Every structure is written in C-alpha cells, then in structure tokens.
Amino acid sequence: MRLRIASFNLESLDDRPDLDPPLEARIAVLRPQLLRLEADILCLQEVHGQKPAGGGPRRLLALERLLADTPYRDFHRISTPSPGPHGQQGWVADVHNLVVLSRFPPQETRVVAHDHVAPLAWQLLTARPPVPEARRLRFDRPALFLTLAPTPDRRLHLLNLHLRAPLALPVPGGKERGLAWSRTDAWAEGFFLAALLRAAQALELRLLVDSLFDADPRALVLVAGDFNAELAEVPLRILLAEPGDTGNGLLAPRALVPLERHLPADRRYSVIHRGRRVMFDHMLASRPLLAHLRDFDVHNETLEDEVETELAVAHATQSSHAPLVATFEL
C-alpha cells in the first residue's frame, strides 16, 4: 500500500479577532497546501488553542476551521495537552501545540517531556542582580510520540517535534527590550543555555529512538517536524547518530537517515532566512523504513524570505516554512 506522511509548521495558527491577516485569509492559502500533500499521516507544528465562546476547555478551533471541507476533517487527531491540571482535563495549550492527523487509529500515544533527561539545573552567572538559587531549565515544548499500524503486519513509530529556536534565554538584567540585549556577557550565557536545551531535548529523543531499536532492531521509525537546525548542527547530529560521528560502522543500523538527501542539493530548503535557503524542517527515517521510501518532496515553490516578509509584506498569510512529504510503499 502507498503511505504518504507529511510535516508542516503552520506558523502560529490562530483565530483571534484582532489578527492581521484574519484566519479566513490564511485558510485561503494554507488549505490548498494541505490538500496538495494528500497525506495519510500529517504532523503539524505551531497550532494555537482557543477557548470556545461559551466557555469550556481550550480547543483547536482554528485548526478545525482550517480542516473543514478537507479529508483531514475526519482523521484521528492527536495533540499535545496543556501543561498542568488543565491538560489532564482535555485542554490544549494556548500556543505551539503539536498535532498529528492520521487516517489510522493510534495504538499508542505519549507526550515526551523530560522522560529520559531531567530538567537542567543551572546557576546563572551573569544575572543582575545575582540570582542565588540554581534554576531548573525545562524544554519549551514536549514531543509527541505515536505508534500506528498502517497495515495489519506493520507498526510505525512516529515522533512529531518542534525544537527551540536558537534565541538566547532571558537573563535577569541582561536586556534593554525585546530582542535587544544590554550586555554581551548576559546574551552569551542566554545563547549558551538555549543551545544546551536544544541539545538536551535532542538527546532525550535519541534515547527514545534507541529504546525502540532495543525492542526491535528493525523498527520502522520516523522523526518529523521543525528542528530549527540544519543537518550539521548539534541537535541533528545527536538524533542522526551517523557512523561518521559514532566512529563505528556496526552502529549504522541504529542511525537515522535524513530524507532530504533524496533531493538534489539545490532543492533542500524549507525556509529562506536573510536571503539564505536553509533546511530547518526534516524527516529522519530508520533504515528499515528507508527501504520503503519511494519519493520525498519539499513544497517550497512559494516561499519568501521570512525576515523580508515580516518587514515589507502587509497581511502576510502563508507560513515561512514549507511542507514536507514522503511517500512509502509498505
């Protein structure tokens, strides 16, 4: 059977009445992109939650409007919950939820947040005034893990993730305003901590992947989402665990393979940032799953520079990320 799996960062999908552009204008651009994917499984990032007008738990109302009149409307929908007690009552977070839409019912779902790597304790070095207690640094967002059965004899392990952007963590007394810092030492510490958190979350997910291989060396594994990093950067190298890094060819069966290598080098980009074409969104497959790959594509024809668009384009409707789609034959 043919199986199409896609990933798309919708970039702050919301339906607040004060939004410019309004949600309907964004739907006119985003819905055709979703339909073009023809996905059986769709990993989404940056899906915001909304409270119903009559009250009740926060839900994915903007996403429901986007999916109306599409086949995805009837798919199984799995999302990350709101942190804390509200999540246990069925609420989603107000911003940056992860969502998986699947034609197949999930056999297992799990939110992965500090399951394998504890929150990091750090004593701030540059805070003004000094902060006496060590801080516990937590991941910005959890990852979403599912096990699905696309065919009766095949189990697919899927991870949907959105790693932290490479922006410095705030340090007390270190900023003037917004993104402007007042001291280089504070910025340097904040930037280091952001890199540390990204690497730690990549490590957590690598440990999860290794546990899947421990249980089944021929596991079908796919890790997809917005990594906010390119292949040569630390988070990807941790997740891939390629023989060139481990120095041991016998570990190659445990390495993950980036599916963008299926494309010519000039097609490998999902974002344009300050005039540079970069691949921040990825799909990483286990070698047993790679054996079933028949095609991979990045729908980047309409991308515009995310920085120039923010400065020069009024009412920008499209995401600054391109969707990815992989086709397998199982």
C-alpha atoms as a PDB file:
ATOM      1  CA  MET A   1       0.000   0.000   0.000  1.00  0.00           C
ATOM      2  CA  ARG A   2       1.033   3.592  -0.614  1.00  0.00           C
ATOM      3  CA  LEU A   3       1.594   5.658   2.539  1.00  0.00           C
ATOM      4  CA  ARG A   4       2.164   9.420   2.475  1.00  0.00           C
ATOM      5  CA  ILE A   5       3.468  11.154   5.603  1.00  0.00           C
ATOM      6  CA  ALA A   6       3.799  14.935   5.753  1.00  0.00           C
ATOM      7  CA  SER A   7       5.032  17.598   8.159  1.00  0.00           C
ATOM      8  CA  PHE A   8       4.141  21.292   8.170  1.00  0.00           C
ATOM      9  CA  ASN A   9       4.792  24.179  10.556  1.00  0.00           C
ATOM     10  CA  LEU A  10       1.630  26.283  10.202  1.00  0.00           C
ATOM     11  CA  GLU A  11       3.299  29.216  11.987  1.00  0.00           C
ATOM     12  CA  SER A  12       1.072  30.445  14.805  1.00  0.00           C
ATOM     13  CA  LEU A  13      -2.272  29.213  13.502  1.00  0.00           C
ATOM     14  CA  ASP A  14      -4.872  31.162  15.497  1.00  0.00           C
ATOM     15  CA  ASP A  15      -8.318  32.746  15.100  1.00  0.00           C
ATOM     16  CA  ARG A  16      -8.140  35.776  17.394  1.00  0.00           C
ATOM     17  CA  PRO A  17     -10.427  38.558  16.087  1.00  0.00           C
ATOM     18  CA  ASP A  18      -7.582  41.106  16.187  1.00  0.00           C
ATOM     19  CA  LEU A  19      -5.277  39.084  13.923  1.00  0.00           C
ATOM     20  CA  ASP A  20      -3.924  40.654  10.743  1.00  0.00           C
ATOM     21  CA  PRO A  21      -4.460  38.852   8.469  1.00  0.00           C
ATOM     22  CA  PRO A  22      -7.613  37.150   9.785  1.00  0.00           C
ATOM     23  CA  LEU A  23      -7.793  33.373   9.869  1.00  0.00           C
ATOM     24  CA  GLU A  24     -10.007  33.148   6.780  1.00  0.00           C
ATOM     25  CA  ALA A  25      -7.321  34.874   4.720  1.00  0.00           C
ATOM     26  CA  ARG A  26      -4.738  32.389   5.957  1.00  0.00           C
ATOM     27  CA  ILE A  27      -7.049  29.443   5.286  1.00  0.00           C
ATOM     28  CA  ALA A  28      -7.289  30.513   1.643  1.00  0.00           C
ATOM     29  CA  VAL A  29      -3.522  29.925   1.370  1.00  0.00           C
ATOM     30  CA  LEU A  30      -2.923  27.070   3.823  1.00  0.00           C
ATOM     31  CA  ARG A  31      -5.800  24.759   2.880  1.00  0.00           C
ATOM     32  CA  PRO A  32      -4.606  24.242  -0.730  1.00  0.00           C
ATOM     33  CA  GLN A  33      -1.161  23.400   0.644  1.00  0.00           C
ATOM     34  CA  LEU A  34      -2.667  20.739   2.911  1.00  0.00           C
ATOM     35  CA  LEU A  35      -4.755  19.284   0.091  1.00  0.00           C
ATOM     36  CA  ARG A  36      -1.725  19.071  -2.191  1.00  0.00           C
ATOM     37  CA  LEU A  37       0.069  16.893   0.372  1.00  0.00           C
ATOM     38  CA  GLU A  38      -2.548  14.111   0.061  1.00  0.00           C
ATOM     39  CA  ALA A  39      -1.220  12.827   3.367  1.00  0.00           C
ATOM     40  CA  ASP A  40      -2.332   9.735   5.227  1.00  0.00           C
ATOM     41  CA  ILE A  41      -0.467  10.997   8.306  1.00  0.00           C
ATOM     42  CA  LEU A  42       0.168  14.706   8.863  1.00  0.00           C
ATOM     43  CA  CYS A  43       2.443  16.174  11.558  1.00  0.00           C
ATOM     44  CA  LEU A  44       1.670  19.811  12.369  1.00  0.00           C
ATOM     45  CA  GLN A  45       3.543  22.349  14.474  1.00  0.00           C
ATOM     46  CA  GLU A  46       2.573  25.748  15.919  1.00  0.00           C
ATOM     47  CA  VAL A  47      -1.149  25.103  16.224  1.00  0.00           C
ATOM     48  CA  HIS A  48      -2.607  27.524  18.784  1.00  0.00           C
ATOM     49  CA  GLY A  49      -5.538  26.706  21.059  1.00  0.00           C
ATOM     50  CA  GLN A  50      -8.676  28.802  21.637  1.00  0.00           C
ATOM     51  CA  LYS A  51     -11.400  28.991  24.266  1.00  0.00           C
ATOM     52  CA  PRO A  52     -14.944  28.429  22.958  1.00  0.00           C
ATOM     53  CA  ALA A  53     -17.217  31.471  23.074  1.00  0.00           C
ATOM     54  CA  GLY A  54     -19.495  29.796  25.623  1.00  0.00           C
ATOM     55  CA  GLY A  55     -16.634  28.703  27.863  1.00  0.00           C
ATOM     56  CA  GLY A  56     -15.116  25.305  28.437  1.00  0.00           C
ATOM     57  CA  PRO A  57     -11.734  23.707  27.753  1.00  0.00           C
ATOM     58  CA  ARG A  58      -9.366  25.338  25.288  1.00  0.00           C
ATOM     59  CA  ARG A  59      -9.581  23.539  21.935  1.00  0.00           C
ATOM     60  CA  LEU A  60      -8.035  23.594  18.474  1.00  0.00           C
ATOM     61  CA  LEU A  61     -10.820  25.702  16.984  1.00  0.00           C
ATOM     62  CA  ALA A  62      -8.656  27.439  14.380  1.00  0.00           C
ATOM     63  CA  LEU A  63      -7.417  24.071  13.149  1.00  0.00           C
ATOM     64  CA  GLU A  64     -10.982  22.785  12.922  1.00  0.00           C
ATOM     65  CA  ARG A  65     -11.846  25.702  10.639  1.00  0.00           C
ATOM     66  CA  LEU A  66      -8.760  25.055   8.510  1.00  0.00           C
ATOM     67  CA  LEU A  67      -9.602  21.361   8.107  1.00  0.00           C
ATOM     68  CA  ALA A  68     -13.276  21.906   7.234  1.00  0.00           C
ATOM     69  CA  ASP A  69     -14.140  20.625   3.750  1.00  0.00           C
ATOM     70  CA  THR A  70     -10.941  18.558   3.584  1.00  0.00           C
ATOM     71  CA  PRO A  71     -10.396  14.804   4.055  1.00  0.00           C
ATOM     72  CA  TYR A  72      -8.335  15.599   7.166  1.00  0.00           C
ATOM     73  CA  ARG A  73     -11.503  16.679   8.965  1.00  0.00           C
ATOM     74  CA  ASP A  74     -12.346  13.012   9.585  1.00  0.00           C
ATOM     75  CA  PHE A  75      -8.840  11.850  10.520  1.00  0.00           C
ATOM     76  CA  HIS A  76      -7.875  10.784  14.024  1.00  0.00           C
ATOM     77  CA  ARG A  77      -6.498  13.860  15.798  1.00  0.00           C
ATOM     78  CA  ILE A  78      -3.823  13.605  18.494  1.00  0.00           C
ATOM     79  CA  SER A  79      -2.325  16.693  20.134  1.00  0.00           C
ATOM     80  CA  THR A  80      -0.091  17.707  22.997  1.00  0.00           C
ATOM     81  CA  PRO A  81      -2.043  18.761  26.110  1.00  0.00           C
ATOM     82  CA  SER A  82      -1.822  21.946  28.105  1.00  0.00           C
ATOM     83  CA  PRO A  83       0.777  21.615  30.866  1.00  0.00           C
ATOM     84  CA  GLY A  84      -0.560  21.154  34.392  1.00  0.00           C
ATOM     85  CA  PRO A  85      -4.042  20.171  35.619  1.00  0.00           C
ATOM     86  CA  HIS A  86      -5.869  21.663  32.622  1.00  0.00           C
ATOM     87  CA  GLY A  87      -4.134  19.225  30.307  1.00  0.00           C
ATOM     88  CA  GLN A  88      -5.489  16.326  32.344  1.00  0.00           C
ATOM     89  CA  GLN A  89      -8.971  17.754  31.754  1.00  0.00           C
ATOM     90  CA  GLY A  90      -8.576  17.774  27.976  1.00  0.00           C
ATOM     91  CA  TRP A  91      -7.283  21.310  27.428  1.00  0.00           C
ATOM     92  CA  VAL A  92      -4.650  22.126  24.821  1.00  0.00           C
ATOM     93  CA  ALA A  93      -2.023  24.836  25.310  1.00  0.00           C
ATOM     94  CA  ASP A  94      -2.701  28.391  24.198  1.00  0.00           C
ATOM     95  CA  VAL A  95       0.243  28.374  21.751  1.00  0.00           C
ATOM     96  CA  HIS A  96       2.503  25.983  19.843  1.00  0.00           C
ATOM     97  CA  ASN A  97       0.622  22.712  20.154  1.00  0.00           C
ATOM     98  CA  LEU A  98       1.859  19.712  18.207  1.00  0.00           C
ATOM     99  CA  VAL A  99      -0.821  17.816  16.298  1.00  0.00           C
ATOM    100  CA  VAL A 100      -0.855  14.568  14.336  1.00  0.00           C
ATOM    101  CA  LEU A 101      -3.713  13.833  11.946  1.00  0.00           C
ATOM    102  CA  SER A 102      -3.879  10.173  10.973  1.00  0.00           C
ATOM    103  CA  ARG A 103      -6.030   8.052   8.730  1.00  0.00           C
ATOM    104  CA  PHE A 104      -5.138   5.159  11.062  1.00  0.00           C
ATOM    105  CA  PRO A 105      -6.103   4.944  14.736  1.00  0.00           C
ATOM    106  CA  PRO A 106      -3.147   5.252  17.096  1.00  0.00           C
ATOM    107  CA  GLN A 107      -2.159   2.144  19.026  1.00  0.00           C
ATOM    108  CA  GLU A 108      -0.101   4.175  21.491  1.00  0.00           C
ATOM    109  CA  THR A 109       0.298   7.888  22.180  1.00  0.00           C
ATOM    110  CA  ARG A 110       2.751   9.516  24.536  1.00  0.00           C
ATOM    111  CA  VAL A 111       3.826  13.046  25.377  1.00  0.00           C
ATOM    112  CA  VAL A 112       7.602  13.070  25.817  1.00  0.00           C
ATOM    113  CA  ALA A 113       8.916  15.767  28.163  1.00  0.00           C
ATOM    114  CA  HIS A 114      11.827  15.053  30.484  1.00  0.00           C
ATOM    115  CA  ASP A 115      11.093  11.330  30.413  1.00  0.00           C
ATOM    116  CA  HIS A 116      14.757  10.487  29.820  1.00  0.00           C
ATOM    117  CA  VAL A 117      16.569  13.770  30.550  1.00  0.00           C
ATOM    118  CA  ALA A 118      15.740  15.627  33.765  1.00  0.00           C
ATOM    119  CA  PRO A 119      15.281  19.426  33.806  1.00  0.00           C
ATOM    120  CA  LEU A 120      18.704  21.053  33.773  1.00  0.00           C
ATOM    121  CA  ALA A 121      19.916  22.782  36.934  1.00  0.00           C
ATOM    122  CA  TRP A 122      21.892  25.951  36.183  1.00  0.00           C
ATOM    123  CA  GLN A 123      23.298  28.693  38.387  1.00  0.00           C
ATOM    124  CA  LEU A 124      23.080  31.939  36.399  1.00  0.00           C
ATOM    125  CA  LEU A 125      26.467  33.599  36.066  1.00  0.00           C
ATOM    126  CA  THR A 126      25.571  36.993  34.612  1.00  0.00           C
ATOM    127  CA  ALA A 127      22.209  37.919  36.199  1.00  0.00           C
ATOM    128  CA  ARG A 128      21.989  41.457  37.623  1.00  0.00           C
ATOM    129  CA  PRO A 129      21.214  41.452  40.479  1.00  0.00           C
ATOM    130  CA  PRO A 130      22.631  37.971  41.112  1.00  0.00           C
ATOM    131  CA  VAL A 131      20.176  35.080  41.441  1.00  0.00           C
ATOM    132  CA  PRO A 132      21.278  32.935  44.402  1.00  0.00           C
ATOM    133  CA  GLU A 133      19.364  29.753  43.587  1.00  0.00           C
ATOM    134  CA  ALA A 134      20.056  27.425  40.685  1.00  0.00           C
ATOM    135  CA  ARG A 135      17.298  27.462  38.057  1.00  0.00           C
ATOM    136  CA  ARG A 136      15.602  24.393  36.631  1.00  0.00           C
ATOM    137  CA  LEU A 137      15.527  24.731  32.859  1.00  0.00           C
ATOM    138  CA  ARG A 138      12.747  22.856  31.081  1.00  0.00           C
ATOM    139  CA  PHE A 139      12.103  22.218  27.400  1.00  0.00           C
ATOM    140  CA  ASP A 140       9.897  24.806  25.683  1.00  0.00           C
ATOM    141  CA  ARG A 141       7.594  22.127  24.309  1.00  0.00           C
ATOM    142  CA  PRO A 142       7.146  18.375  24.641  1.00  0.00           C
ATOM    143  CA  ALA A 143       7.434  15.997  21.721  1.00  0.00           C
ATOM    144  CA  LEU A 144       4.513  13.842  20.574  1.00  0.00           C
ATOM    145  CA  PHE A 145       5.097  10.106  20.109  1.00  0.00           C
ATOM    146  CA  LEU A 146       2.671   7.709  18.406  1.00  0.00           C
ATOM    147  CA  THR A 147       2.633   4.114  17.298  1.00  0.00           C
ATOM    148  CA  LEU A 148       0.370   3.389  14.318  1.00  0.00           C
ATOM    149  CA  ALA A 149      -0.456   0.308  12.254  1.00  0.00           C
ATOM    150  CA  PRO A 150      -0.797   1.361   8.589  1.00  0.00           C
ATOM    151  CA  THR A 151      -1.085  -2.337   7.673  1.00  0.00           C
ATOM    152  CA  PRO A 152      -2.027  -5.295   9.880  1.00  0.00           C
ATOM    153  CA  ASP A 153       1.584  -6.521   9.977  1.00  0.00           C
ATOM    154  CA  ARG A 154       3.424  -3.162  10.135  1.00  0.00           C
ATOM    155  CA  ARG A 155       3.903  -0.858  13.133  1.00  0.00           C
ATOM    156  CA  LEU A 156       5.170   2.662  12.567  1.00  0.00           C
ATOM    157  CA  HIS A 157       6.742   4.672  15.401  1.00  0.00           C
ATOM    158  CA  LEU A 158       6.304   8.398  14.781  1.00  0.00           C
ATOM    159  CA  LEU A 159       7.783  11.385  16.622  1.00  0.00           C
ATOM    160  CA  ASN A 160       6.475  14.891  15.939  1.00  0.00           C
ATOM    161  CA  LEU A 161       8.716  17.602  17.385  1.00  0.00           C
ATOM    162  CA  HIS A 162       9.407  21.337  17.435  1.00  0.00           C
ATOM    163  CA  LEU A 163      12.787  22.157  18.944  1.00  0.00           C
ATOM    164  CA  ARG A 164      13.555  25.524  20.474  1.00  0.00           C
ATOM    165  CA  ALA A 165      14.698  28.277  18.104  1.00  0.00           C
ATOM    166  CA  PRO A 166      18.332  29.416  18.523  1.00  0.00           C
ATOM    167  CA  LEU A 167      17.354  32.512  20.511  1.00  0.00           C
ATOM    168  CA  ALA A 168      19.053  33.346  23.803  1.00  0.00           C
ATOM    169  CA  LEU A 169      17.147  32.569  27.000  1.00  0.00           C
ATOM    170  CA  PRO A 170      16.347  35.695  29.028  1.00  0.00           C
ATOM    171  CA  VAL A 171      18.803  36.532  31.810  1.00  0.00           C
ATOM    172  CA  PRO A 172      17.608  38.917  34.571  1.00  0.00           C
ATOM    173  CA  GLY A 173      19.022  42.387  33.999  1.00  0.00           C
ATOM    174  CA  GLY A 174      20.509  41.466  30.633  1.00  0.00           C
ATOM    175  CA  LYS A 175      18.046  43.027  28.179  1.00  0.00           C
ATOM    176  CA  GLU A 176      17.065  46.515  27.104  1.00  0.00           C
ATOM    177  CA  ARG A 177      13.847  45.491  25.353  1.00  0.00           C
ATOM    178  CA  GLY A 178      12.515  42.741  23.106  1.00  0.00           C
ATOM    179  CA  LEU A 179      15.435  41.093  21.359  1.00  0.00           C
ATOM    180  CA  ALA A 180      17.886  43.870  22.286  1.00  0.00           C
ATOM    181  CA  TRP A 181      20.432  42.963  24.963  1.00  0.00           C
ATOM    182  CA  SER A 182      22.227  45.433  27.208  1.00  0.00           C
ATOM    183  CA  ARG A 183      25.292  43.266  27.891  1.00  0.00           C
ATOM    184  CA  THR A 184      27.227  40.785  25.788  1.00  0.00           C
ATOM    185  CA  ASP A 185      28.021  38.501  28.724  1.00  0.00           C
ATOM    186  CA  ALA A 186      24.328  38.073  29.531  1.00  0.00           C
ATOM    187  CA  TRP A 187      23.487  37.415  25.874  1.00  0.00           C
ATOM    188  CA  ALA A 188      26.304  34.852  25.652  1.00  0.00           C
ATOM    189  CA  GLU A 189      25.027  32.967  28.689  1.00  0.00           C
ATOM    190  CA  GLY A 190      21.441  33.058  27.407  1.00  0.00           C
ATOM    191  CA  PHE A 191      22.527  31.823  23.985  1.00  0.00           C
ATOM    192  CA  PHE A 192      24.550  29.022  25.568  1.00  0.00           C
ATOM    193  CA  LEU A 193      21.560  27.930  27.647  1.00  0.00           C
ATOM    194  CA  ALA A 194      19.303  27.891  24.572  1.00  0.00           C
ATOM    195  CA  ALA A 195      21.817  25.671  22.772  1.00  0.00           C
ATOM    196  CA  LEU A 196      22.057  23.445  25.842  1.00  0.00           C
ATOM    197  CA  LEU A 197      18.279  22.980  25.980  1.00  0.00           C
ATOM    198  CA  ARG A 198      18.063  22.127  22.270  1.00  0.00           C
ATOM    199  CA  ALA A 199      20.842  19.572  22.590  1.00  0.00           C
ATOM    200  CA  ALA A 200      19.280  18.091  25.736  1.00  0.00           C
ATOM    201  CA  GLN A 201      15.906  17.619  24.044  1.00  0.00           C
ATOM    202  CA  ALA A 202      17.580  16.051  21.014  1.00  0.00           C
ATOM    203  CA  LEU A 203      19.349  13.681  23.411  1.00  0.00           C
ATOM    204  CA  GLU A 204      16.057  12.755  25.066  1.00  0.00           C
ATOM    205  CA  LEU A 205      14.518  11.878  21.719  1.00  0.00           C
ATOM    206  CA  ARG A 206      17.628   9.968  20.640  1.00  0.00           C
ATOM    207  CA  LEU A 207      17.340   7.888  23.822  1.00  0.00           C
ATOM    208  CA  LEU A 208      13.705   7.163  22.956  1.00  0.00           C
ATOM    209  CA  VAL A 209      14.704   6.088  19.437  1.00  0.00           C
ATOM    210  CA  ASP A 210      17.391   3.803  20.858  1.00  0.00           C
ATOM    211  CA  SER A 211      14.826   2.215  23.175  1.00  0.00           C
ATOM    212  CA  LEU A 212      12.725   1.393  20.104  1.00  0.00           C
ATOM    213  CA  PHE A 213      15.718  -0.301  18.473  1.00  0.00           C
ATOM    214  CA  ASP A 214      16.405  -2.187  21.712  1.00  0.00           C
ATOM    215  CA  ALA A 215      12.909  -3.658  21.485  1.00  0.00           C
ATOM    216  CA  ASP A 216      13.029  -4.240  17.713  1.00  0.00           C
ATOM    217  CA  PRO A 217      16.219  -3.702  15.676  1.00  0.00           C
ATOM    218  CA  ARG A 218      14.099  -3.465  12.508  1.00  0.00           C
ATOM    219  CA  ALA A 219      11.666  -0.890  13.859  1.00  0.00           C
ATOM    220  CA  LEU A 220      10.019   1.473  11.390  1.00  0.00           C
ATOM    221  CA  VAL A 221      10.794   4.881  12.911  1.00  0.00           C
ATOM    222  CA  LEU A 222      10.157   8.377  11.581  1.00  0.00           C
ATOM    223  CA  VAL A 223      11.093  11.611  13.371  1.00  0.00           C
ATOM    224  CA  ALA A 224       9.494  14.674  11.769  1.00  0.00           C
ATOM    225  CA  GLY A 225       8.957  18.343  12.478  1.00  0.00           C
ATOM    226  CA  ASP A 226      10.607  21.721  12.866  1.00  0.00           C
ATOM    227  CA  PHE A 227      14.113  21.158  14.254  1.00  0.00           C
ATOM    228  CA  ASN A 228      15.169  24.822  13.996  1.00  0.00           C
ATOM    229  CA  ALA A 229      18.554  23.462  12.927  1.00  0.00           C
ATOM    230  CA  GLU A 230      20.396  22.226   9.855  1.00  0.00           C
ATOM    231  CA  LEU A 231      21.957  18.798   9.405  1.00  0.00           C
ATOM    232  CA  ALA A 232      25.455  19.811  10.508  1.00  0.00           C
ATOM    233  CA  GLU A 233      24.234  21.337  13.786  1.00  0.00           C
ATOM    234  CA  VAL A 234      24.385  19.594  17.155  1.00  0.00           C
ATOM    235  CA  PRO A 235      20.682  18.630  17.592  1.00  0.00           C
ATOM    236  CA  LEU A 236      20.588  16.841  14.237  1.00  0.00           C
ATOM    237  CA  ARG A 237      23.913  15.103  14.768  1.00  0.00           C
ATOM    238  CA  ILE A 238      22.658  13.788  18.116  1.00  0.00           C
ATOM    239  CA  LEU A 239      19.439  12.474  16.603  1.00  0.00           C
ATOM    240  CA  LEU A 240      21.043  11.017  13.475  1.00  0.00           C
ATOM    241  CA  ALA A 241      23.936   9.258  15.284  1.00  0.00           C
ATOM    242  CA  GLU A 242      25.625   8.579  11.949  1.00  0.00           C
ATOM    243  CA  PRO A 243      28.683   6.304  11.698  1.00  0.00           C
ATOM    244  CA  GLY A 244      30.857   9.292  10.825  1.00  0.00           C
ATOM    245  CA  ASP A 245      30.129  10.640  14.300  1.00  0.00           C
ATOM    246  CA  THR A 246      29.998   7.416  16.313  1.00  0.00           C
ATOM    247  CA  GLY A 247      33.104   6.077  14.560  1.00  0.00           C
ATOM    248  CA  ASN A 248      31.603   2.589  14.418  1.00  0.00           C
ATOM    249  CA  GLY A 249      30.045   1.090  11.313  1.00  0.00           C
ATOM    250  CA  LEU A 250      28.402  -1.636  13.384  1.00  0.00           C
ATOM    251  CA  LEU A 251      26.099   1.056  14.806  1.00  0.00           C
ATOM    252  CA  ALA A 252      24.846   2.084  11.345  1.00  0.00           C
ATOM    253  CA  PRO A 253      21.541   0.171  11.742  1.00  0.00           C
ATOM    254  CA  ARG A 254      20.689   2.487  14.656  1.00  0.00           C
ATOM    255  CA  ALA A 255      21.409   5.670  12.716  1.00  0.00           C
ATOM    256  CA  LEU A 256      18.569   7.741  11.298  1.00  0.00           C
ATOM    257  CA  VAL A 257      18.664   8.961   7.705  1.00  0.00           C
ATOM    258  CA  PRO A 258      17.531  12.472   6.643  1.00  0.00           C
ATOM    259  CA  LEU A 259      15.097  12.043   3.772  1.00  0.00           C
ATOM    260  CA  GLU A 260      16.024  15.395   2.192  1.00  0.00           C
ATOM    261  CA  ARG A 261      19.114  13.660   0.797  1.00  0.00           C
ATOM    262  CA  HIS A 262      16.679  12.130  -1.705  1.00  0.00           C
ATOM    263  CA  LEU A 263      16.567  15.588  -3.347  1.00  0.00           C
ATOM    264  CA  PRO A 264      19.197  17.492  -5.344  1.00  0.00           C
ATOM    265  CA  ALA A 265      21.146  19.881  -3.115  1.00  0.00           C
ATOM    266  CA  ASP A 266      19.508  22.977  -4.623  1.00  0.00           C
ATOM    267  CA  ARG A 267      16.035  21.722  -3.599  1.00  0.00           C
ATOM    268  CA  ARG A 268      16.902  21.078   0.056  1.00  0.00           C
ATOM    269  CA  TYR A 269      15.403  24.065   1.822  1.00  0.00           C
ATOM    270  CA  SER A 270      12.262  24.634   3.871  1.00  0.00           C
ATOM    271  CA  VAL A 271      12.878  28.248   4.978  1.00  0.00           C
ATOM    272  CA  ILE A 272      14.502  31.313   3.418  1.00  0.00           C
ATOM    273  CA  HIS A 273      16.221  33.370   6.120  1.00  0.00           C
ATOM    274  CA  ARG A 274      18.006  36.643   5.290  1.00  0.00           C
ATOM    275  CA  GLY A 275      18.493  35.540   1.711  1.00  0.00           C
ATOM    276  CA  ARG A 276      19.836  32.101   2.661  1.00  0.00           C
ATOM    277  CA  ARG A 277      17.989  28.894   1.818  1.00  0.00           C
ATOM    278  CA  VAL A 278      18.055  26.627   4.874  1.00  0.00           C
ATOM    279  CA  MET A 279      16.576  23.261   5.819  1.00  0.00           C
ATOM    280  CA  PHE A 280      15.125  23.654   9.314  1.00  0.00           C
ATOM    281  CA  ASP A 281      12.327  21.094   8.857  1.00  0.00           C
ATOM    282  CA  HIS A 282      13.282  17.444   8.494  1.00  0.00           C
ATOM    283  CA  MET A 283      12.112  13.861   8.277  1.00  0.00           C
ATOM    284  CA  LEU A 284      14.531  11.311   9.715  1.00  0.00           C
ATOM    285  CA  ALA A 285      13.868   7.641   8.977  1.00  0.00           C
ATOM    286  CA  SER A 286      15.245   4.385  10.305  1.00  0.00           C
ATOM    287  CA  ARG A 287      16.953   2.234   7.693  1.00  0.00           C
ATOM    288  CA  PRO A 288      14.165  -0.376   7.690  1.00  0.00           C
ATOM    289  CA  LEU A 289      11.675   2.399   6.895  1.00  0.00           C
ATOM    290  CA  LEU A 290      14.037   3.925   4.318  1.00  0.00           C
ATOM    291  CA  ALA A 291      13.824   0.664   2.370  1.00  0.00           C
ATOM    292  CA  HIS A 292      10.169   1.512   1.652  1.00  0.00           C
ATOM    293  CA  LEU A 293      10.782   5.130   0.544  1.00  0.00           C
ATOM    294  CA  ARG A 294       9.596   5.873  -2.979  1.00  0.00           C
ATOM    295  CA  ASP A 295       9.601   9.674  -3.046  1.00  0.00           C
ATOM    296  CA  PHE A 296      10.273  12.757  -0.937  1.00  0.00           C
ATOM    297  CA  ASP A 297       9.475  16.382  -1.689  1.00  0.00           C
ATOM    298  CA  VAL A 298       9.592  19.843  -0.158  1.00  0.00           C
ATOM    299  CA  HIS A 299       6.826  22.164  -1.397  1.00  0.00           C
ATOM    300  CA  ASN A 300       8.970  25.296  -1.327  1.00  0.00           C
ATOM    301  CA  GLU A 301       7.910  26.974  -4.576  1.00  0.00           C
ATOM    302  CA  THR A 302       6.043  29.822  -2.867  1.00  0.00           C
ATOM    303  CA  LEU A 303       8.471  30.508  -0.007  1.00  0.00           C
ATOM    304  CA  GLU A 304       9.516  34.085   0.619  1.00  0.00           C
ATOM    305  CA  ASP A 305      12.302  35.389   2.851  1.00  0.00           C
ATOM    306  CA  GLU A 306      10.866  35.254   6.378  1.00  0.00           C
ATOM    307  CA  VAL A 307      12.754  38.365   7.517  1.00  0.00           C
ATOM    308  CA  GLU A 308      11.917  40.482   4.461  1.00  0.00           C
ATOM    309  CA  THR A 309       8.282  39.351   4.580  1.00  0.00           C
ATOM    310  CA  GLU A 310       7.958  40.439   8.201  1.00  0.00           C
ATOM    311  CA  LEU A 311       9.361  43.868   7.355  1.00  0.00           C
ATOM    312  CA  ALA A 312       7.902  44.521   3.918  1.00  0.00           C
ATOM    313  CA  VAL A 313       4.729  42.460   3.366  1.00  0.00           C
ATOM    314  CA  ALA A 314       1.449  43.599   4.885  1.00  0.00           C
ATOM    315  CA  HIS A 315      -1.115  40.926   5.805  1.00  0.00           C
ATOM    316  CA  ALA A 316       1.313  38.008   5.239  1.00  0.00           C
ATOM    317  CA  THR A 317      -0.846  34.888   5.044  1.00  0.00           C
ATOM    318  CA  GLN A 318       1.459  31.972   4.350  1.00  0.00           C
ATOM    319  CA  SER A 319       3.795  30.132   6.657  1.00  0.00           C
ATOM    320  CA  SER A 320       7.503  30.860   6.352  1.00  0.00           C
ATOM    321  CA  HIS A 321       8.031  27.074   6.428  1.00  0.00           C
ATOM    322  CA  ALA A 322       7.488  24.720   3.502  1.00  0.00           C
ATOM    323  CA  PRO A 323       5.599  21.441   3.933  1.00  0.00           C
ATOM    324  CA  LEU A 324       7.500  18.166   3.562  1.00  0.00           C
ATOM    325  CA  VAL A 325       6.006  14.927   2.267  1.00  0.00           C
ATOM    326  CA  ALA A 326       7.408  11.405   1.989  1.00  0.00           C
ATOM    327  CA  THR A 327       5.838   8.544   0.051  1.00  0.00           C
ATOM    328  CA  PHE A 328       6.395   4.958   1.150  1.00  0.00           C
ATOM    329  CA  GLU A 329       5.269   1.623  -0.279  1.00  0.00           C
ATOM    330  CA  LEU A 330       4.530  -0.865   2.502  1.00  0.00           C
END
